[in-house]
Amino acid sequence: MAIEKILLVDDSKTELHFLSELLVKRGYAVRTAENGEEAMRRLGEEKPDLILMDVVMPGQNGFQLTRAITRDARFTDVPVIMCTSKNQETDKVWGMRQGARDYVVKPVDADELIAKIRAFD
């Protein structure tokens, strides 16, 4: 399945703008959410092909949200890539345990991110 639609979840408007622009320039359709509640609303409106998930957010954090999404039968086939400034190995291991399929550390290297996304095509 080709990755076309990406849900980008991040509480930073700067990151949302930067990552959205990067992805749109490469042909992806991007929808954004600034928190867990908004992300769940977006998922109810349209199922994405992939989710890019920040970790540090107010309310439900990215680890909790990833766990909720990947354990929901409607979204088990949607890969989640954690996209976070949390760069410790323990954070990566924990993110993968929550159901993430890959992990990218900010500041994001555009080529690395696109390669990780294309790996799911």
PDB file of N, CA and C in Angstrom:
ATOM      1  N   MET A   1       0.846  -1.183   0.000  1.00  0.00           N
ATOM      2  CA  MET A   1       0.000   0.000   0.000  1.00  0.00           C
ATOM      3  C   MET A   1       0.891   1.247   0.000  1.00  0.00           C
ATOM      4  N   ALA A   2       0.685   2.107  -0.971  1.00  0.00           N
ATOM      5  CA  ALA A   2       1.486   3.337  -1.044  1.00  0.00           C
ATOM      6  C   ALA A   2       1.047   4.317   0.039  1.00  0.00           C
ATOM      7  N   ILE A   3       2.013   4.957   0.643  1.00  0.00           N
ATOM      8  CA  ILE A   3       1.726   5.977   1.651  1.00  0.00           C
ATOM      9  C   ILE A   3       1.402   7.284   0.910  1.00  0.00           C
ATOM     10  N   GLU A   4       0.193   7.795   1.110  1.00  0.00           N
ATOM     11  CA  GLU A   4      -0.213   9.053   0.472  1.00  0.00           C
ATOM     12  C   GLU A   4      -0.688  10.063   1.505  1.00  0.00           C
ATOM     13  N   LYS A   5      -1.506   9.589   2.461  1.00  0.00           N
ATOM     14  CA  LYS A   5      -2.099  10.479   3.468  1.00  0.00           C
ATOM     15  C   LYS A   5      -1.400  10.298   4.813  1.00  0.00           C
ATOM     16  N   ILE A   6      -0.893  11.406   5.354  1.00  0.00           N
ATOM     17  CA  ILE A   6      -0.169  11.353   6.624  1.00  0.00           C
ATOM     18  C   ILE A   6      -0.856  12.245   7.647  1.00  0.00           C
ATOM     19  N   LEU A   7      -1.061  11.697   8.841  1.00  0.00           N
ATOM     20  CA  LEU A   7      -1.549  12.493   9.970  1.00  0.00           C
ATOM     21  C   LEU A   7      -0.327  12.870  10.798  1.00  0.00           C
ATOM     22  N   LEU A   8      -0.141  14.173  10.977  1.00  0.00           N
ATOM     23  CA  LEU A   8       0.997  14.718  11.705  1.00  0.00           C
ATOM     24  C   LEU A   8       0.484  15.238  13.043  1.00  0.00           C
ATOM     25  N   VAL A   9       0.979  14.645  14.154  1.00  0.00           N
ATOM     26  CA  VAL A   9       0.521  15.031  15.491  1.00  0.00           C
ATOM     27  C   VAL A   9       1.683  15.658  16.256  1.00  0.00           C
ATOM     28  N   ASP A  10       1.556  16.955  16.550  1.00  0.00           N
ATOM     29  CA  ASP A  10       2.612  17.677  17.267  1.00  0.00           C
ATOM     30  C   ASP A  10       2.003  18.937  17.867  1.00  0.00           C
ATOM     31  N   ASP A  11       2.361  19.267  19.098  1.00  0.00           N
ATOM     32  CA  ASP A  11       1.796  20.460  19.740  1.00  0.00           C
ATOM     33  C   ASP A  11       2.523  21.741  19.343  1.00  0.00           C
ATOM     34  N   SER A  12       3.625  21.629  18.629  1.00  0.00           N
ATOM     35  CA  SER A  12       4.394  22.802  18.209  1.00  0.00           C
ATOM     36  C   SER A  12       3.955  23.260  16.817  1.00  0.00           C
ATOM     37  N   LYS A  13       3.430  24.483  16.736  1.00  0.00           N
ATOM     38  CA  LYS A  13       3.015  25.019  15.438  1.00  0.00           C
ATOM     39  C   LYS A  13       4.212  25.129  14.492  1.00  0.00           C
ATOM     40  N   THR A  14       5.386  25.419  15.037  1.00  0.00           N
ATOM     41  CA  THR A  14       6.595  25.513  14.223  1.00  0.00           C
ATOM     42  C   THR A  14       6.911  24.160  13.584  1.00  0.00           C
ATOM     43  N   GLU A  15       6.876  23.099  14.394  1.00  0.00           N
ATOM     44  CA  GLU A  15       7.143  21.752  13.867  1.00  0.00           C
ATOM     45  C   GLU A  15       6.073  21.339  12.858  1.00  0.00           C
ATOM     46  N   LEU A  16       4.808  21.623  13.163  1.00  0.00           N
ATOM     47  CA  LEU A  16       3.722  21.279  12.236  1.00  0.00           C
ATOM     48  C   LEU A  16       3.959  21.951  10.888  1.00  0.00           C
ATOM     49  N   HIS A  17       4.321  23.227  10.921  1.00  0.00           N
ATOM     50  CA  HIS A  17       4.554  23.968   9.683  1.00  0.00           C
ATOM     51  C   HIS A  17       5.752  23.378   8.923  1.00  0.00           C
ATOM     52  N   PHE A  18       6.864  23.189   9.618  1.00  0.00           N
ATOM     53  CA  PHE A  18       8.086  22.671   8.996  1.00  0.00           C
ATOM     54  C   PHE A  18       7.851  21.286   8.380  1.00  0.00           C
ATOM     55  N   LEU A  19       7.285  20.371   9.167  1.00  0.00           N
ATOM     56  CA  LEU A  19       7.089  19.003   8.687  1.00  0.00           C
ATOM     57  C   LEU A  19       6.018  18.935   7.605  1.00  0.00           C
ATOM     58  N   SER A  20       4.948  19.713   7.746  1.00  0.00           N
ATOM     59  CA  SER A  20       3.893  19.727   6.718  1.00  0.00           C
ATOM     60  C   SER A  20       4.473  20.163   5.383  1.00  0.00           C
ATOM     61  N   GLU A  21       5.239  21.253   5.414  1.00  0.00           N
ATOM     62  CA  GLU A  21       5.837  21.774   4.188  1.00  0.00           C
ATOM     63  C   GLU A  21       6.761  20.737   3.552  1.00  0.00           C
ATOM     64  N   LEU A  22       7.599  20.125   4.379  1.00  0.00           N
ATOM     65  CA  LEU A  22       8.532  19.111   3.899  1.00  0.00           C
ATOM     66  C   LEU A  22       7.778  17.960   3.209  1.00  0.00           C
ATOM     67  N   LEU A  23       6.694  17.491   3.825  1.00  0.00           N
ATOM     68  CA  LEU A  23       5.947  16.344   3.298  1.00  0.00           C
ATOM     69  C   LEU A  23       5.120  16.714   2.069  1.00  0.00           C
ATOM     70  N   VAL A  24       4.480  17.880   2.098  1.00  0.00           N
ATOM     71  CA  VAL A  24       3.657  18.306   0.961  1.00  0.00           C
ATOM     72  C   VAL A  24       4.536  18.484  -0.284  1.00  0.00           C
ATOM     73  N   LYS A  25       5.729  19.045  -0.112  1.00  0.00           N
ATOM     74  CA  LYS A  25       6.653  19.223  -1.242  1.00  0.00           C
ATOM     75  C   LYS A  25       7.017  17.891  -1.881  1.00  0.00           C
ATOM     76  N   ARG A  26       6.918  16.830  -1.120  1.00  0.00           N
ATOM     77  CA  ARG A  26       7.247  15.502  -1.649  1.00  0.00           C
ATOM     78  C   ARG A  26       5.996  14.721  -2.057  1.00  0.00           C
ATOM     79  N   GLY A  27       4.880  15.412  -2.131  1.00  0.00           N
ATOM     80  CA  GLY A  27       3.677  14.807  -2.702  1.00  0.00           C
ATOM     81  C   GLY A  27       2.711  14.155  -1.734  1.00  0.00           C
ATOM     82  N   TYR A  28       2.938  14.293  -0.442  1.00  0.00           N
ATOM     83  CA  TYR A  28       2.028  13.683   0.532  1.00  0.00           C
ATOM     84  C   TYR A  28       0.882  14.639   0.873  1.00  0.00           C
ATOM     85  N   ALA A  29      -0.269  14.066   1.150  1.00  0.00           N
ATOM     86  CA  ALA A  29      -1.408  14.834   1.662  1.00  0.00           C
ATOM     87  C   ALA A  29      -1.286  14.804   3.182  1.00  0.00           C
ATOM     88  N   VAL A  30      -1.237  15.969   3.810  1.00  0.00           N
ATOM     89  CA  VAL A  30      -0.980  16.043   5.243  1.00  0.00           C
ATOM     90  C   VAL A  30      -2.153  16.673   5.985  1.00  0.00           C
ATOM     91  N   ARG A  31      -2.557  16.019   7.069  1.00  0.00           N
ATOM     92  CA  ARG A  31      -3.518  16.599   8.006  1.00  0.00           C
ATOM     93  C   ARG A  31      -2.783  16.713   9.328  1.00  0.00           C
ATOM     94  N   THR A  32      -3.141  17.715  10.126  1.00  0.00           N
ATOM     95  CA  THR A  32      -2.429  17.928  11.376  1.00  0.00           C
ATOM     96  C   THR A  32      -3.363  17.895  12.575  1.00  0.00           C
ATOM     97  N   ALA A  33      -2.767  17.617  13.729  1.00  0.00           N
ATOM     98  CA  ALA A  33      -3.466  17.660  15.016  1.00  0.00           C
ATOM     99  C   ALA A  33      -2.457  18.148  16.046  1.00  0.00           C
ATOM    100  N   GLU A  34      -2.934  18.989  16.969  1.00  0.00           N
ATOM    101  CA  GLU A  34      -2.020  19.573  17.963  1.00  0.00           C
ATOM    102  C   GLU A  34      -2.054  18.864  19.306  1.00  0.00           C
ATOM    103  N   ASN A  35      -2.942  17.867  19.460  1.00  0.00           N
ATOM    104  CA  ASN A  35      -3.004  17.109  20.710  1.00  0.00           C
ATOM    105  C   ASN A  35      -3.729  15.789  20.460  1.00  0.00           C
ATOM    106  N   GLY A  36      -3.778  14.961  21.501  1.00  0.00           N
ATOM    107  CA  GLY A  36      -4.374  13.639  21.372  1.00  0.00           C
ATOM    108  C   GLY A  36      -5.844  13.670  21.017  1.00  0.00           C
ATOM    109  N   GLU A  37      -6.572  14.583  21.626  1.00  0.00           N
ATOM    110  CA  GLU A  37      -8.009  14.686  21.369  1.00  0.00           C
ATOM    111  C   GLU A  37      -8.271  15.035  19.900  1.00  0.00           C
ATOM    112  N   GLU A  38      -7.534  16.007  19.402  1.00  0.00           N
ATOM    113  CA  GLU A  38      -7.687  16.415  18.004  1.00  0.00           C
ATOM    114  C   GLU A  38      -7.257  15.285  17.068  1.00  0.00           C
ATOM    115  N   ALA A  39      -6.207  14.564  17.429  1.00  0.00           N
ATOM    116  CA  ALA A  39      -5.738  13.440  16.608  1.00  0.00           C
ATOM    117  C   ALA A  39      -6.824  12.373  16.485  1.00  0.00           C
ATOM    118  N   MET A  40      -7.491  12.063  17.590  1.00  0.00           N
ATOM    119  CA  MET A  40      -8.556  11.052  17.555  1.00  0.00           C
ATOM    120  C   MET A  40      -9.730  11.528  16.692  1.00  0.00           C
ATOM    121  N   ARG A  41     -10.025  12.827  16.752  1.00  0.00           N
ATOM    122  CA  ARG A  41     -11.073  13.389  15.880  1.00  0.00           C
ATOM    123  C   ARG A  41     -10.694  13.226  14.412  1.00  0.00           C
ATOM    124  N   ARG A  42      -9.447  13.565  14.095  1.00  0.00           N
ATOM    125  CA  ARG A  42      -8.972  13.450  12.701  1.00  0.00           C
ATOM    126  C   ARG A  42      -9.047  11.988  12.228  1.00  0.00           C
ATOM    127  N   LEU A  43      -8.675  11.064  13.104  1.00  0.00           N
ATOM    128  CA  LEU A  43      -8.732   9.642  12.742  1.00  0.00           C
ATOM    129  C   LEU A  43     -10.166   9.207  12.456  1.00  0.00           C
ATOM    130  N   GLY A  44     -11.115   9.781  13.193  1.00  0.00           N
ATOM    131  CA  GLY A  44     -12.521   9.463  12.961  1.00  0.00           C
ATOM    132  C   GLY A  44     -13.040  10.015  11.646  1.00  0.00           C
ATOM    133  N   GLU A  45     -12.449  11.116  11.191  1.00  0.00           N
ATOM    134  CA  GLU A  45     -12.876  11.755   9.945  1.00  0.00           C
ATOM    135  C   GLU A  45     -12.311  11.047   8.716  1.00  0.00           C
ATOM    136  N   GLU A  46     -11.041  10.668   8.792  1.00  0.00           N
ATOM    137  CA  GLU A  46     -10.375  10.051   7.649  1.00  0.00           C
ATOM    138  C   GLU A  46      -9.195   9.223   8.135  1.00  0.00           C
ATOM    139  N   LYS A  47      -9.105   8.004   7.645  1.00  0.00           N
ATOM    140  CA  LYS A  47      -8.014   7.122   8.055  1.00  0.00           C
ATOM    141  C   LYS A  47      -6.760   7.446   7.245  1.00  0.00           C
ATOM    142  N   PRO A  48      -5.666   7.783   7.924  1.00  0.00           N
ATOM    143  CA  PRO A  48      -4.422   8.074   7.201  1.00  0.00           C
ATOM    144  C   PRO A  48      -3.695   6.784   6.824  1.00  0.00           C
ATOM    145  N   ASP A  49      -2.697   6.916   5.971  1.00  0.00           N
ATOM    146  CA  ASP A  49      -1.855   5.769   5.616  1.00  0.00           C
ATOM    147  C   ASP A  49      -0.702   5.611   6.597  1.00  0.00           C
ATOM    148  N   LEU A  50      -0.380   6.720   7.323  1.00  0.00           N
ATOM    149  CA  LEU A  50       0.734   6.719   8.260  1.00  0.00           C
ATOM    150  C   LEU A  50       0.539   7.870   9.239  1.00  0.00           C
ATOM    151  N   ILE A  51       1.042   7.700  10.463  1.00  0.00           N
ATOM    152  CA  ILE A  51       0.955   8.755  11.482  1.00  0.00           C
ATOM    153  C   ILE A  51       2.371   9.104  11.939  1.00  0.00           C
ATOM    154  N   LEU A  52       2.666  10.409  11.943  1.00  0.00           N
ATOM    155  CA  LEU A  52       3.920  10.913  12.527  1.00  0.00           C
ATOM    156  C   LEU A  52       3.549  11.485  13.879  1.00  0.00           C
ATOM    157  N   MET A  53       4.118  10.957  14.951  1.00  0.00           N
ATOM    158  CA  MET A  53       3.670  11.255  16.307  1.00  0.00           C
ATOM    159  C   MET A  53       4.757  11.871  17.172  1.00  0.00           C
ATOM    160  N   ASP A  54       4.481  13.072  17.676  1.00  0.00           N
ATOM    161  CA  ASP A  54       5.360  13.690  18.677  1.00  0.00           C
ATOM    162  C   ASP A  54       5.130  12.965  20.004  1.00  0.00           C
ATOM    163  N   VAL A  55       6.047  13.088  20.943  1.00  0.00           N
ATOM    164  CA  VAL A  55       5.862  12.464  22.256  1.00  0.00           C
ATOM    165  C   VAL A  55       5.406  13.479  23.297  1.00  0.00           C
ATOM    166  N   VAL A  56       6.148  14.578  23.428  1.00  0.00           N
ATOM    167  CA  VAL A  56       5.874  15.533  24.495  1.00  0.00           C
ATOM    168  C   VAL A  56       4.755  16.491  24.057  1.00  0.00           C
ATOM    169  N   MET A  57       3.556  16.258  24.598  1.00  0.00           N
ATOM    170  CA  MET A  57       2.391  17.088  24.296  1.00  0.00           C
ATOM    171  C   MET A  57       1.570  17.237  25.568  1.00  0.00           C
ATOM    172  N   PRO A  58       0.811  18.333  25.679  1.00  0.00           N
ATOM    173  CA  PRO A  58      -0.061  18.470  26.856  1.00  0.00           C
ATOM    174  C   PRO A  58      -1.175  17.431  26.817  1.00  0.00           C
ATOM    175  N   GLY A  59      -1.656  17.054  27.985  1.00  0.00           N
ATOM    176  CA  GLY A  59      -2.709  16.030  28.044  1.00  0.00           C
ATOM    177  C   GLY A  59      -2.110  14.675  27.742  1.00  0.00           C
ATOM    178  N   GLN A  60      -2.727  13.959  26.829  1.00  0.00           N
ATOM    179  CA  GLN A  60      -2.255  12.630  26.455  1.00  0.00           C
ATOM    180  C   GLN A  60      -0.941  12.763  25.678  1.00  0.00           C
ATOM    181  N   ASN A  61       0.123  12.089  26.144  1.00  0.00           N
ATOM    182  CA  ASN A  61       1.390  12.186  25.408  1.00  0.00           C
ATOM    183  C   ASN A  61       1.406  11.204  24.233  1.00  0.00           C
ATOM    184  N   GLY A  62       2.430  11.340  23.407  1.00  0.00           N
ATOM    185  CA  GLY A  62       2.511  10.525  22.197  1.00  0.00           C
ATOM    186  C   GLY A  62       2.627   9.039  22.456  1.00  0.00           C
ATOM    187  N   PHE A  63       3.275   8.658  23.553  1.00  0.00           N
ATOM    188  CA  PHE A  63       3.358   7.235  23.892  1.00  0.00           C
ATOM    189  C   PHE A  63       1.960   6.683  24.182  1.00  0.00           C
ATOM    190  N   GLN A  64       1.180   7.407  24.998  1.00  0.00           N
ATOM    191  CA  GLN A  64      -0.169   6.969  25.354  1.00  0.00           C
ATOM    192  C   GLN A  64      -1.062   6.923  24.119  1.00  0.00           C
ATOM    193  N   LEU A  65      -0.960   7.954  23.292  1.00  0.00           N
ATOM    194  CA  LEU A  65      -1.787   8.035  22.093  1.00  0.00           C
ATOM    195  C   LEU A  65      -1.434   6.925  21.106  1.00  0.00           C
ATOM    196  N   THR A  66      -0.142   6.657  20.940  1.00  0.00           N
ATOM    197  CA  THR A  66       0.291   5.573  20.049  1.00  0.00           C
ATOM    198  C   THR A  66      -0.260   4.239  20.531  1.00  0.00           C
ATOM    199  N   ARG A  67      -0.188   4.005  21.836  1.00  0.00           N
ATOM    200  CA  ARG A  67      -0.721   2.761  22.403  1.00  0.00           C
ATOM    201  C   ARG A  67      -2.214   2.641  22.100  1.00  0.00           C
ATOM    202  N   ALA A  68      -2.966   3.720  22.306  1.00  0.00           N
ATOM    203  CA  ALA A  68      -4.413   3.698  22.068  1.00  0.00           C
ATOM    204  C   ALA A  68      -4.729   3.433  20.593  1.00  0.00           C
ATOM    205  N   ILE A  69      -3.997   4.085  19.701  1.00  0.00           N
ATOM    206  CA  ILE A  69      -4.260   3.943  18.264  1.00  0.00           C
ATOM    207  C   ILE A  69      -3.882   2.550  17.764  1.00  0.00           C
ATOM    208  N   THR A  70      -2.701   2.071  18.140  1.00  0.00           N
ATOM    209  CA  THR A  70      -2.231   0.786  17.607  1.00  0.00           C
ATOM    210  C   THR A  70      -2.985  -0.400  18.198  1.00  0.00           C
ATOM    211  N   ARG A  71      -3.695  -0.184  19.294  1.00  0.00           N
ATOM    212  CA  ARG A  71      -4.496  -1.263  19.866  1.00  0.00           C
ATOM    213  C   ARG A  71      -5.956  -1.194  19.408  1.00  0.00           C
ATOM    214  N   ASP A  72      -6.288  -0.205  18.593  1.00  0.00           N
ATOM    215  CA  ASP A  72      -7.637  -0.047  18.045  1.00  0.00           C
ATOM    216  C   ASP A  72      -7.695  -0.827  16.733  1.00  0.00           C
ATOM    217  N   ALA A  73      -8.612  -1.770  16.640  1.00  0.00           N
ATOM    218  CA  ALA A  73      -8.697  -2.648  15.467  1.00  0.00           C
ATOM    219  C   ALA A  73      -8.821  -1.876  14.150  1.00  0.00           C
ATOM    220  N   ARG A  74      -9.417  -0.689  14.175  1.00  0.00           N
ATOM    221  CA  ARG A  74      -9.586   0.098  12.940  1.00  0.00           C
ATOM    222  C   ARG A  74      -8.257   0.610  12.399  1.00  0.00           C
ATOM    223  N   PHE A  75      -7.238   0.697  13.262  1.00  0.00           N
ATOM    224  CA  PHE A  75      -5.990   1.338  12.851  1.00  0.00           C
ATOM    225  C   PHE A  75      -4.757   0.444  12.967  1.00  0.00           C
ATOM    226  N   THR A  76      -4.948  -0.860  13.165  1.00  0.00           N
ATOM    227  CA  THR A  76      -3.796  -1.746  13.353  1.00  0.00           C
ATOM    228  C   THR A  76      -2.882  -1.771  12.130  1.00  0.00           C
ATOM    229  N   ASP A  77      -3.418  -1.442  10.952  1.00  0.00           N
ATOM    230  CA  ASP A  77      -2.608  -1.465   9.736  1.00  0.00           C
ATOM    231  C   ASP A  77      -1.976  -0.105   9.423  1.00  0.00           C
ATOM    232  N   VAL A  78      -2.172   0.888  10.304  1.00  0.00           N
ATOM    233  CA  VAL A  78      -1.604   2.224  10.085  1.00  0.00           C
ATOM    234  C   VAL A  78      -0.294   2.349  10.884  1.00  0.00           C
ATOM    235  N   PRO A  79       0.849   2.417  10.198  1.00  0.00           N
ATOM    236  CA  PRO A  79       2.102   2.533  10.928  1.00  0.00           C
ATOM    237  C   PRO A  79       2.243   3.892  11.610  1.00  0.00           C
ATOM    238  N   VAL A  80       2.822   3.877  12.808  1.00  0.00           N
ATOM    239  CA  VAL A  80       3.105   5.103  13.543  1.00  0.00           C
ATOM    240  C   VAL A  80       4.623   5.260  13.624  1.00  0.00           C
ATOM    241  N   ILE A  81       5.108   6.436  13.240  1.00  0.00           N
ATOM    242  CA  ILE A  81       6.523   6.768  13.411  1.00  0.00           C
ATOM    243  C   ILE A  81       6.597   7.845  14.486  1.00  0.00           C
ATOM    244  N   MET A  82       7.293   7.558  15.570  1.00  0.00           N
ATOM    245  CA  MET A  82       7.499   8.567  16.605  1.00  0.00           C
ATOM    246  C   MET A  82       8.462   9.600  16.030  1.00  0.00           C
ATOM    247  N   CYS A  83       8.155  10.875  16.254  1.00  0.00           N
ATOM    248  CA  CYS A  83       8.982  11.965  15.737  1.00  0.00           C
ATOM    249  C   CYS A  83       9.162  12.938  16.895  1.00  0.00           C
ATOM    250  N   THR A  84      10.276  12.820  17.618  1.00  0.00           N
ATOM    251  CA  THR A  84      10.391  13.478  18.909  1.00  0.00           C
ATOM    252  C   THR A  84      11.805  13.945  19.225  1.00  0.00           C
ATOM    253  N   SER A  85      11.909  14.862  20.153  1.00  0.00           N
ATOM    254  CA  SER A  85      13.219  15.309  20.628  1.00  0.00           C
ATOM    255  C   SER A  85      13.773  14.358  21.691  1.00  0.00           C
ATOM    256  N   LYS A  86      12.948  13.413  22.163  1.00  0.00           N
ATOM    257  CA  LYS A  86      13.405  12.445  23.177  1.00  0.00           C
ATOM    258  C   LYS A  86      14.351  11.460  22.487  1.00  0.00           C
ATOM    259  N   ASN A  87      15.654  11.609  22.764  1.00  0.00           N
ATOM    260  CA  ASN A  87      16.647  10.880  21.981  1.00  0.00           C
ATOM    261  C   ASN A  87      17.360   9.754  22.732  1.00  0.00           C
ATOM    262  N   GLN A  88      16.861   9.380  23.892  1.00  0.00           N
ATOM    263  CA  GLN A  88      17.489   8.289  24.644  1.00  0.00           C
ATOM    264  C   GLN A  88      17.035   6.938  24.088  1.00  0.00           C
ATOM    265  N   GLU A  89      17.901   5.956  24.165  1.00  0.00           N
ATOM    266  CA  GLU A  89      17.565   4.609  23.686  1.00  0.00           C
ATOM    267  C   GLU A  89      16.331   4.068  24.416  1.00  0.00           C
ATOM    268  N   THR A  90      16.223   4.385  25.714  1.00  0.00           N
ATOM    269  CA  THR A  90      15.058   3.903  26.485  1.00  0.00           C
ATOM    270  C   THR A  90      13.759   4.498  25.933  1.00  0.00           C
ATOM    271  N   ASP A  91      13.804   5.760  25.465  1.00  0.00           N
ATOM    272  CA  ASP A  91      12.616   6.373  24.865  1.00  0.00           C
ATOM    273  C   ASP A  91      12.221   5.626  23.591  1.00  0.00           C
ATOM    274  N   LYS A  92      13.218   5.318  22.766  1.00  0.00           N
ATOM    275  CA  LYS A  92      12.957   4.599  21.514  1.00  0.00           C
ATOM    276  C   LYS A  92      12.354   3.226  21.805  1.00  0.00           C
ATOM    277  N   VAL A  93      12.964   2.509  22.741  1.00  0.00           N
ATOM    278  CA  VAL A  93      12.462   1.171  23.102  1.00  0.00           C
ATOM    279  C   VAL A  93      11.019   1.271  23.607  1.00  0.00           C
ATOM    280  N   TRP A  94      10.752   2.261  24.460  1.00  0.00           N
ATOM    281  CA  TRP A  94       9.411   2.439  25.010  1.00  0.00           C
ATOM    282  C   TRP A  94       8.414   2.779  23.894  1.00  0.00           C
ATOM    283  N   GLY A  95       8.817   3.649  22.974  1.00  0.00           N
ATOM    284  CA  GLY A  95       7.941   4.011  21.857  1.00  0.00           C
ATOM    285  C   GLY A  95       7.583   2.801  21.012  1.00  0.00           C
ATOM    286  N   MET A  96       8.572   1.958  20.744  1.00  0.00           N
ATOM    287  CA  MET A  96       8.327   0.745  19.951  1.00  0.00           C
ATOM    288  C   MET A  96       7.419  -0.225  20.722  1.00  0.00           C
ATOM    289  N   ARG A  97       7.587  -0.269  22.031  1.00  0.00           N
ATOM    290  CA  ARG A  97       6.720  -1.138  22.851  1.00  0.00           C
ATOM    291  C   ARG A  97       5.263  -0.676  22.823  1.00  0.00           C
ATOM    292  N   GLN A  98       5.065   0.631  22.626  1.00  0.00           N
ATOM    293  CA  GLN A  98       3.706   1.170  22.595  1.00  0.00           C
ATOM    294  C   GLN A  98       3.031   0.913  21.247  1.00  0.00           C
ATOM    295  N   GLY A  99       3.812   0.427  20.288  1.00  0.00           N
ATOM    296  CA  GLY A  99       3.238   0.092  18.988  1.00  0.00           C
ATOM    297  C   GLY A  99       3.815   0.867  17.820  1.00  0.00           C
ATOM    298  N   ALA A 100       4.738   1.801  18.093  1.00  0.00           N
ATOM    299  CA  ALA A 100       5.361   2.542  16.989  1.00  0.00           C
ATOM    300  C   ALA A 100       6.163   1.577  16.124  1.00  0.00           C
ATOM    301  N   ARG A 101       6.204   1.861  14.830  1.00  0.00           N
ATOM    302  CA  ARG A 101       6.935   0.995  13.907  1.00  0.00           C
ATOM    303  C   ARG A 101       8.316   1.549  13.558  1.00  0.00           C
ATOM    304  N   ASP A 102       8.541   2.841  13.897  1.00  0.00           N
ATOM    305  CA  ASP A 102       9.853   3.445  13.688  1.00  0.00           C
ATOM    306  C   ASP A 102       9.963   4.674  14.582  1.00  0.00           C
ATOM    307  N   TYR A 103      11.149   5.296  14.590  1.00  0.00           N
ATOM    308  CA  TYR A 103      11.426   6.369  15.539  1.00  0.00           C
ATOM    309  C   TYR A 103      12.411   7.341  14.905  1.00  0.00           C
ATOM    310  N   VAL A 104      12.075   8.630  14.884  1.00  0.00           N
ATOM    311  CA  VAL A 104      12.936   9.662  14.321  1.00  0.00           C
ATOM    312  C   VAL A 104      13.149  10.728  15.386  1.00  0.00           C
ATOM    313  N   VAL A 105      14.401  11.182  15.526  1.00  0.00           N
ATOM    314  CA  VAL A 105      14.720  12.195  16.533  1.00  0.00           C
ATOM    315  C   VAL A 105      14.795  13.577  15.872  1.00  0.00           C
ATOM    316  N   LYS A 106      14.176  14.567  16.541  1.00  0.00           N
ATOM    317  CA  LYS A 106      14.272  15.960  16.094  1.00  0.00           C
ATOM    318  C   LYS A 106      15.600  16.539  16.554  1.00  0.00           C
ATOM    319  N   PRO A 107      16.179  17.487  15.838  1.00  0.00           N
ATOM    320  CA  PRO A 107      15.663  18.033  14.581  1.00  0.00           C
ATOM    321  C   PRO A 107      15.707  16.973  13.475  1.00  0.00           C
ATOM    322  N   VAL A 108      14.649  16.931  12.705  1.00  0.00           N
ATOM    323  CA  VAL A 108      14.465  15.887  11.701  1.00  0.00           C
ATOM    324  C   VAL A 108      15.370  16.120  10.497  1.00  0.00           C
ATOM    325  N   ASP A 109      16.029  15.063  10.070  1.00  0.00           N
ATOM    326  CA  ASP A 109      16.762  15.066   8.815  1.00  0.00           C
ATOM    327  C   ASP A 109      15.751  14.673   7.736  1.00  0.00           C
ATOM    328  N   ALA A 110      15.481  15.582   6.796  1.00  0.00           N
ATOM    329  CA  ALA A 110      14.428  15.373   5.799  1.00  0.00           C
ATOM    330  C   ALA A 110      14.604  14.063   5.029  1.00  0.00           C
ATOM    331  N   ASP A 111      15.812  13.786   4.568  1.00  0.00           N
ATOM    332  CA  ASP A 111      16.037  12.568   3.782  1.00  0.00           C
ATOM    333  C   ASP A 111      15.809  11.311   4.607  1.00  0.00           C
ATOM    334  N   GLU A 112      16.240  11.349   5.869  1.00  0.00           N
ATOM    335  CA  GLU A 112      16.036  10.191   6.751  1.00  0.00           C
ATOM    336  C   GLU A 112      14.536   9.950   6.967  1.00  0.00           C
ATOM    337  N   LEU A 113      13.796  11.040   7.227  1.00  0.00           N
ATOM    338  CA  LEU A 113      12.356  10.902   7.460  1.00  0.00           C
ATOM    339  C   LEU A 113      11.654  10.341   6.229  1.00  0.00           C
ATOM    340  N   ILE A 114      11.948  10.874   5.068  1.00  0.00           N
ATOM    341  CA  ILE A 114      11.307  10.405   3.832  1.00  0.00           C
ATOM    342  C   ILE A 114      11.669   8.938   3.583  1.00  0.00           C
ATOM    343  N   ALA A 115      12.901   8.554   3.840  1.00  0.00           N
ATOM    344  CA  ALA A 115      13.314   7.147   3.671  1.00  0.00           C
ATOM    345  C   ALA A 115      12.517   6.236   4.595  1.00  0.00           C
ATOM    346  N   LYS A 116      12.313   6.687   5.837  1.00  0.00           N
ATOM    347  CA  LYS A 116      11.552   5.875   6.799  1.00  0.00           C
ATOM    348  C   LYS A 116      10.098   5.744   6.367  1.00  0.00           C
ATOM    349  N   ILE A 117       9.527   6.832   5.842  1.00  0.00           N
ATOM    350  CA  ILE A 117       8.141   6.790   5.377  1.00  0.00           C
ATOM    351  C   ILE A 117       8.034   5.858   4.164  1.00  0.00           C
ATOM    352  N   ARG A 118       8.971   5.994   3.233  1.00  0.00           N
ATOM    353  CA  ARG A 118       8.933   5.161   2.010  1.00  0.00           C
ATOM    354  C   ARG A 118       9.135   3.684   2.314  1.00  0.00           C
ATOM    355  N   ALA A 119       9.754   3.384   3.421  1.00  0.00           N
ATOM    356  CA  ALA A 119       9.953   1.975   3.803  1.00  0.00           C
ATOM    357  C   ALA A 119       8.610   1.266   4.009  1.00  0.00           C
ATOM    358  N   PHE A 120       7.543   2.048   4.235  1.00  0.00           N
ATOM    359  CA  PHE A 120       6.218   1.447   4.438  1.00  0.00           C
ATOM    360  C   PHE A 120       5.408   1.363   3.149  1.00  0.00           C
ATOM    361  N   ASP A 121       5.940   1.888   2.036  1.00  0.00           N
ATOM    362  CA  ASP A 121       5.236   1.808   0.744  1.00  0.00           C
ATOM    363  C   ASP A 121       5.136   0.378   0.270  1.00  0.00           C
TER     364      ASP A 121
END
